[in-house]
Amino acid sequence: MIFLPRTREVYLMNEKPGDVLTIEELSVYLKIPKSTLYKLVRGGKVPAQKVGWN
């Protein structure tokens, strides 16, 4: 579940293991800028896991 305080919207995400969205996909899904999504990730509001070398 993701809660966006400014709009007071709650998004329920499918919690099946293996369902992974990129920052780009999630920003389109939530209709918010990537910069806002990165802030939510840094603030611990959106669960995230780094994948790969970078």
PDB file of N, CA and C in Angstrom:
ATOM      1  N   MET A   1       0.846  -1.164   0.000  1.00  0.00           N
ATOM      2  CA  MET A   1       0.000   0.000   0.000  1.00  0.00           C
ATOM      3  C   MET A   1       0.898   1.236   0.000  1.00  0.00           C
ATOM      4  N   ILE A   2       0.520   2.213  -0.821  1.00  0.00           N
ATOM      5  CA  ILE A   2       1.253   3.465  -0.903  1.00  0.00           C
ATOM      6  C   ILE A   2       0.279   4.597  -0.620  1.00  0.00           C
ATOM      7  N   PHE A   3       0.649   5.491   0.306  1.00  0.00           N
ATOM      8  CA  PHE A   3      -0.197   6.628   0.676  1.00  0.00           C
ATOM      9  C   PHE A   3       0.493   7.911   0.256  1.00  0.00           C
ATOM     10  N   LEU A   4      -0.188   8.722  -0.528  1.00  0.00           N
ATOM     11  CA  LEU A   4       0.342  10.011  -0.943  1.00  0.00           C
ATOM     12  C   LEU A   4      -0.332  11.100  -0.124  1.00  0.00           C
ATOM     13  N   PRO A   5       0.386  11.687   0.841  1.00  0.00           N
ATOM     14  CA  PRO A   5      -0.217  12.637   1.769  1.00  0.00           C
ATOM     15  C   PRO A   5      -0.839  13.862   1.110  1.00  0.00           C
ATOM     16  N   ARG A   6      -0.195  14.403   0.105  1.00  0.00           N
ATOM     17  CA  ARG A   6      -0.696  15.637  -0.509  1.00  0.00           C
ATOM     18  C   ARG A   6      -2.095  15.439  -1.090  1.00  0.00           C
ATOM     19  N   THR A   7      -2.312  14.330  -1.771  1.00  0.00           N
ATOM     20  CA  THR A   7      -3.610  14.079  -2.401  1.00  0.00           C
ATOM     21  C   THR A   7      -4.494  13.181  -1.555  1.00  0.00           C
ATOM     22  N   ARG A   8      -3.926  12.646  -0.481  1.00  0.00           N
ATOM     23  CA  ARG A   8      -4.620  11.721   0.405  1.00  0.00           C
ATOM     24  C   ARG A   8      -5.135  10.483  -0.341  1.00  0.00           C
ATOM     25  N   GLU A   9      -4.404  10.099  -1.376  1.00  0.00           N
ATOM     26  CA  GLU A   9      -4.772   8.916  -2.143  1.00  0.00           C
ATOM     27  C   GLU A   9      -4.008   7.707  -1.620  1.00  0.00           C
ATOM     28  N   VAL A  10      -4.669   6.576  -1.624  1.00  0.00           N
ATOM     29  CA  VAL A  10      -4.056   5.318  -1.213  1.00  0.00           C
ATOM     30  C   VAL A  10      -4.098   4.377  -2.408  1.00  0.00           C
ATOM     31  N   TYR A  11      -2.970   3.784  -2.721  1.00  0.00           N
ATOM     32  CA  TYR A  11      -2.883   2.826  -3.809  1.00  0.00           C
ATOM     33  C   TYR A  11      -2.531   1.469  -3.227  1.00  0.00           C
ATOM     34  N   LEU A  12      -3.331   0.482  -3.523  1.00  0.00           N
ATOM     35  CA  LEU A  12      -3.043  -0.882  -3.091  1.00  0.00           C
ATOM     36  C   LEU A  12      -2.296  -1.575  -4.214  1.00  0.00           C
ATOM     37  N   MET A  13      -1.158  -2.101  -3.891  1.00  0.00           N
ATOM     38  CA  MET A  13      -0.348  -2.793  -4.884  1.00  0.00           C
ATOM     39  C   MET A  13      -0.522  -4.294  -4.693  1.00  0.00           C
ATOM     40  N   ASN A  14      -0.439  -5.014  -5.779  1.00  0.00           N
ATOM     41  CA  ASN A  14      -0.487  -6.461  -5.722  1.00  0.00           C
ATOM     42  C   ASN A  14       0.761  -6.932  -4.979  1.00  0.00           C
ATOM     43  N   GLU A  15       0.581  -7.676  -3.914  1.00  0.00           N
ATOM     44  CA  GLU A  15       1.713  -8.043  -3.059  1.00  0.00           C
ATOM     45  C   GLU A  15       2.260  -9.438  -3.329  1.00  0.00           C
ATOM     46  N   LYS A  16       2.038  -9.967  -4.537  1.00  0.00           N
ATOM     47  CA  LYS A  16       2.591 -11.272  -4.863  1.00  0.00           C
ATOM     48  C   LYS A  16       4.101 -11.164  -5.018  1.00  0.00           C
ATOM     49  N   PRO A  17       4.839 -12.122  -4.459  1.00  0.00           N
ATOM     50  CA  PRO A  17       6.295 -12.098  -4.632  1.00  0.00           C
ATOM     51  C   PRO A  17       6.650 -12.138  -6.111  1.00  0.00           C
ATOM     52  N   GLY A  18       7.656 -11.391  -6.484  1.00  0.00           N
ATOM     53  CA  GLY A  18       8.093 -11.383  -7.871  1.00  0.00           C
ATOM     54  C   GLY A  18       7.523 -10.242  -8.685  1.00  0.00           C
ATOM     55  N   ASP A  19       6.494  -9.553  -8.180  1.00  0.00           N
ATOM     56  CA  ASP A  19       5.954  -8.399  -8.887  1.00  0.00           C
ATOM     57  C   ASP A  19       6.866  -7.211  -8.627  1.00  0.00           C
ATOM     58  N   VAL A  20       7.539  -6.753  -9.669  1.00  0.00           N
ATOM     59  CA  VAL A  20       8.504  -5.668  -9.532  1.00  0.00           C
ATOM     60  C   VAL A  20       8.168  -4.593 -10.559  1.00  0.00           C
ATOM     61  N   LEU A  21       8.180  -3.343 -10.121  1.00  0.00           N
ATOM     62  CA  LEU A  21       7.981  -2.211 -11.021  1.00  0.00           C
ATOM     63  C   LEU A  21       9.221  -1.333 -10.984  1.00  0.00           C
ATOM     64  N   THR A  22       9.568  -0.775 -12.128  1.00  0.00           N
ATOM     65  CA  THR A  22      10.660   0.189 -12.169  1.00  0.00           C
ATOM     66  C   THR A  22      10.138   1.543 -11.687  1.00  0.00           C
ATOM     67  N   ILE A  23      11.052   2.462 -11.435  1.00  0.00           N
ATOM     68  CA  ILE A  23      10.660   3.818 -11.051  1.00  0.00           C
ATOM     69  C   ILE A  23       9.770   4.424 -12.136  1.00  0.00           C
ATOM     70  N   GLU A  24      10.143   4.227 -13.395  1.00  0.00           N
ATOM     71  CA  GLU A  24       9.360   4.774 -14.500  1.00  0.00           C
ATOM     72  C   GLU A  24       7.946   4.197 -14.516  1.00  0.00           C
ATOM     73  N   GLU A  25       7.827   2.873 -14.377  1.00  0.00           N
ATOM     74  CA  GLU A  25       6.510   2.228 -14.395  1.00  0.00           C
ATOM     75  C   GLU A  25       5.642   2.693 -13.234  1.00  0.00           C
ATOM     76  N   LEU A  26       6.240   2.795 -12.048  1.00  0.00           N
ATOM     77  CA  LEU A  26       5.470   3.197 -10.876  1.00  0.00           C
ATOM     78  C   LEU A  26       5.058   4.664 -10.949  1.00  0.00           C
ATOM     79  N   SER A  27       5.916   5.509 -11.493  1.00  0.00           N
ATOM     80  CA  SER A  27       5.545   6.921 -11.620  1.00  0.00           C
ATOM     81  C   SER A  27       4.373   7.093 -12.585  1.00  0.00           C
ATOM     82  N   VAL A  28       4.329   6.294 -13.647  1.00  0.00           N
ATOM     83  CA  VAL A  28       3.187   6.332 -14.568  1.00  0.00           C
ATOM     84  C   VAL A  28       1.942   5.791 -13.872  1.00  0.00           C
ATOM     85  N   TYR A  29       2.084   4.691 -13.152  1.00  0.00           N
ATOM     86  CA  TYR A  29       0.956   4.070 -12.450  1.00  0.00           C
ATOM     87  C   TYR A  29       0.348   5.021 -11.424  1.00  0.00           C
ATOM     88  N   LEU A  30       1.202   5.700 -10.663  1.00  0.00           N
ATOM     89  CA  LEU A  30       0.731   6.613  -9.617  1.00  0.00           C
ATOM     90  C   LEU A  30       0.444   8.021 -10.139  1.00  0.00           C
ATOM     91  N   LYS A  31       0.861   8.279 -11.389  1.00  0.00           N
ATOM     92  CA  LYS A  31       0.672   9.600 -12.008  1.00  0.00           C
ATOM     93  C   LYS A  31       1.364  10.702 -11.210  1.00  0.00           C
ATOM     94  N   ILE A  32       2.624  10.422 -10.841  1.00  0.00           N
ATOM     95  CA  ILE A  32       3.440  11.410 -10.134  1.00  0.00           C
ATOM     96  C   ILE A  32       4.805  11.465 -10.811  1.00  0.00           C
ATOM     97  N   PRO A  33       5.510  12.595 -10.688  1.00  0.00           N
ATOM     98  CA  PRO A  33       6.848  12.693 -11.288  1.00  0.00           C
ATOM     99  C   PRO A  33       7.835  11.723 -10.636  1.00  0.00           C
ATOM    100  N   LYS A  34       8.832  11.320 -11.420  1.00  0.00           N
ATOM    101  CA  LYS A  34       9.855  10.423 -10.882  1.00  0.00           C
ATOM    102  C   LYS A  34      10.576  11.056  -9.705  1.00  0.00           C
ATOM    103  N   SER A  35      10.792  12.369  -9.752  1.00  0.00           N
ATOM    104  CA  SER A  35      11.493  13.042  -8.652  1.00  0.00           C
ATOM    105  C   SER A  35      10.715  12.901  -7.343  1.00  0.00           C
ATOM    106  N   THR A  36       9.405  12.999  -7.410  1.00  0.00           N
ATOM    107  CA  THR A  36       8.565  12.820  -6.216  1.00  0.00           C
ATOM    108  C   THR A  36       8.650  11.387  -5.726  1.00  0.00           C
ATOM    109  N   LEU A  37       8.655  10.448  -6.651  1.00  0.00           N
ATOM    110  CA  LEU A  37       8.742   9.041  -6.287  1.00  0.00           C
ATOM    111  C   LEU A  37      10.076   8.740  -5.607  1.00  0.00           C
ATOM    112  N   TYR A  38      11.164   9.311  -6.112  1.00  0.00           N
ATOM    113  CA  TYR A  38      12.467   9.122  -5.465  1.00  0.00           C
ATOM    114  C   TYR A  38      12.455   9.670  -4.040  1.00  0.00           C
ATOM    115  N   LYS A  39      11.804  10.804  -3.826  1.00  0.00           N
ATOM    116  CA  LYS A  39      11.695  11.372  -2.475  1.00  0.00           C
ATOM    117  C   LYS A  39      10.912  10.437  -1.560  1.00  0.00           C
ATOM    118  N   LEU A  40       9.835   9.838  -2.074  1.00  0.00           N
ATOM    119  CA  LEU A  40       9.042   8.900  -1.281  1.00  0.00           C
ATOM    120  C   LEU A  40       9.864   7.661  -0.923  1.00  0.00           C
ATOM    121  N   VAL A  41      10.681   7.203  -1.862  1.00  0.00           N
ATOM    122  CA  VAL A  41      11.548   6.043  -1.608  1.00  0.00           C
ATOM    123  C   VAL A  41      12.569   6.386  -0.529  1.00  0.00           C
ATOM    124  N   ARG A  42      13.235   7.539  -0.680  1.00  0.00           N
ATOM    125  CA  ARG A  42      14.231   7.954   0.320  1.00  0.00           C
ATOM    126  C   ARG A  42      13.606   8.136   1.697  1.00  0.00           C
ATOM    127  N   GLY A  43      12.366   8.580   1.746  1.00  0.00           N
ATOM    128  CA  GLY A  43      11.681   8.795   3.020  1.00  0.00           C
ATOM    129  C   GLY A  43      11.079   7.532   3.608  1.00  0.00           C
ATOM    130  N   GLY A  44      11.227   6.395   2.906  1.00  0.00           N
ATOM    131  CA  GLY A  44      10.699   5.132   3.409  1.00  0.00           C
ATOM    132  C   GLY A  44       9.206   4.958   3.221  1.00  0.00           C
ATOM    133  N   LYS A  45       8.578   5.814   2.426  1.00  0.00           N
ATOM    134  CA  LYS A  45       7.133   5.725   2.190  1.00  0.00           C
ATOM    135  C   LYS A  45       6.791   4.684   1.132  1.00  0.00           C
ATOM    136  N   VAL A  46       7.754   4.388   0.271  1.00  0.00           N
ATOM    137  CA  VAL A  46       7.572   3.400  -0.793  1.00  0.00           C
ATOM    138  C   VAL A  46       8.682   2.369  -0.646  1.00  0.00           C
ATOM    139  N   PRO A  47       8.331   1.089  -0.514  1.00  0.00           N
ATOM    140  CA  PRO A  47       9.372   0.071  -0.407  1.00  0.00           C
ATOM    141  C   PRO A  47      10.144  -0.037  -1.721  1.00  0.00           C
ATOM    142  N   ALA A  48      11.451  -0.180  -1.617  1.00  0.00           N
ATOM    143  CA  ALA A  48      12.287  -0.257  -2.814  1.00  0.00           C
ATOM    144  C   ALA A  48      13.474  -1.167  -2.558  1.00  0.00           C
ATOM    145  N   GLN A  49      13.949  -1.758  -3.631  1.00  0.00           N
ATOM    146  CA  GLN A  49      15.124  -2.619  -3.575  1.00  0.00           C
ATOM    147  C   GLN A  49      15.954  -2.334  -4.809  1.00  0.00           C
ATOM    148  N   LYS A  50      17.222  -2.066  -4.625  1.00  0.00           N
ATOM    149  CA  LYS A  50      18.117  -1.822  -5.744  1.00  0.00           C
ATOM    150  C   LYS A  50      18.486  -3.155  -6.380  1.00  0.00           C
ATOM    151  N   VAL A  51      18.417  -3.211  -7.715  1.00  0.00           N
ATOM    152  CA  VAL A  51      18.718  -4.443  -8.441  1.00  0.00           C
ATOM    153  C   VAL A  51      19.814  -4.152  -9.453  1.00  0.00           C
ATOM    154  N   GLY A  52      20.799  -5.017  -9.529  1.00  0.00           N
ATOM    155  CA  GLY A  52      21.853  -4.857 -10.522  1.00  0.00           C
ATOM    156  C   GLY A  52      23.094  -4.202  -9.954  1.00  0.00           C
ATOM    157  N   TRP A  53      23.960  -3.766 -10.857  1.00  0.00           N
ATOM    158  CA  TRP A  53      25.265  -3.234 -10.484  1.00  0.00           C
ATOM    159  C   TRP A  53      25.207  -1.805  -9.992  1.00  0.00           C
ATOM    160  N   ASN A  54      24.358  -0.991 -10.544  1.00  0.00           N
ATOM    161  CA  ASN A  54      24.351   0.449 -10.231  1.00  0.00           C
ATOM    162  C   ASN A  54      23.604   0.766  -8.978  1.00  0.00           C
TER     163      ASN A  54
END
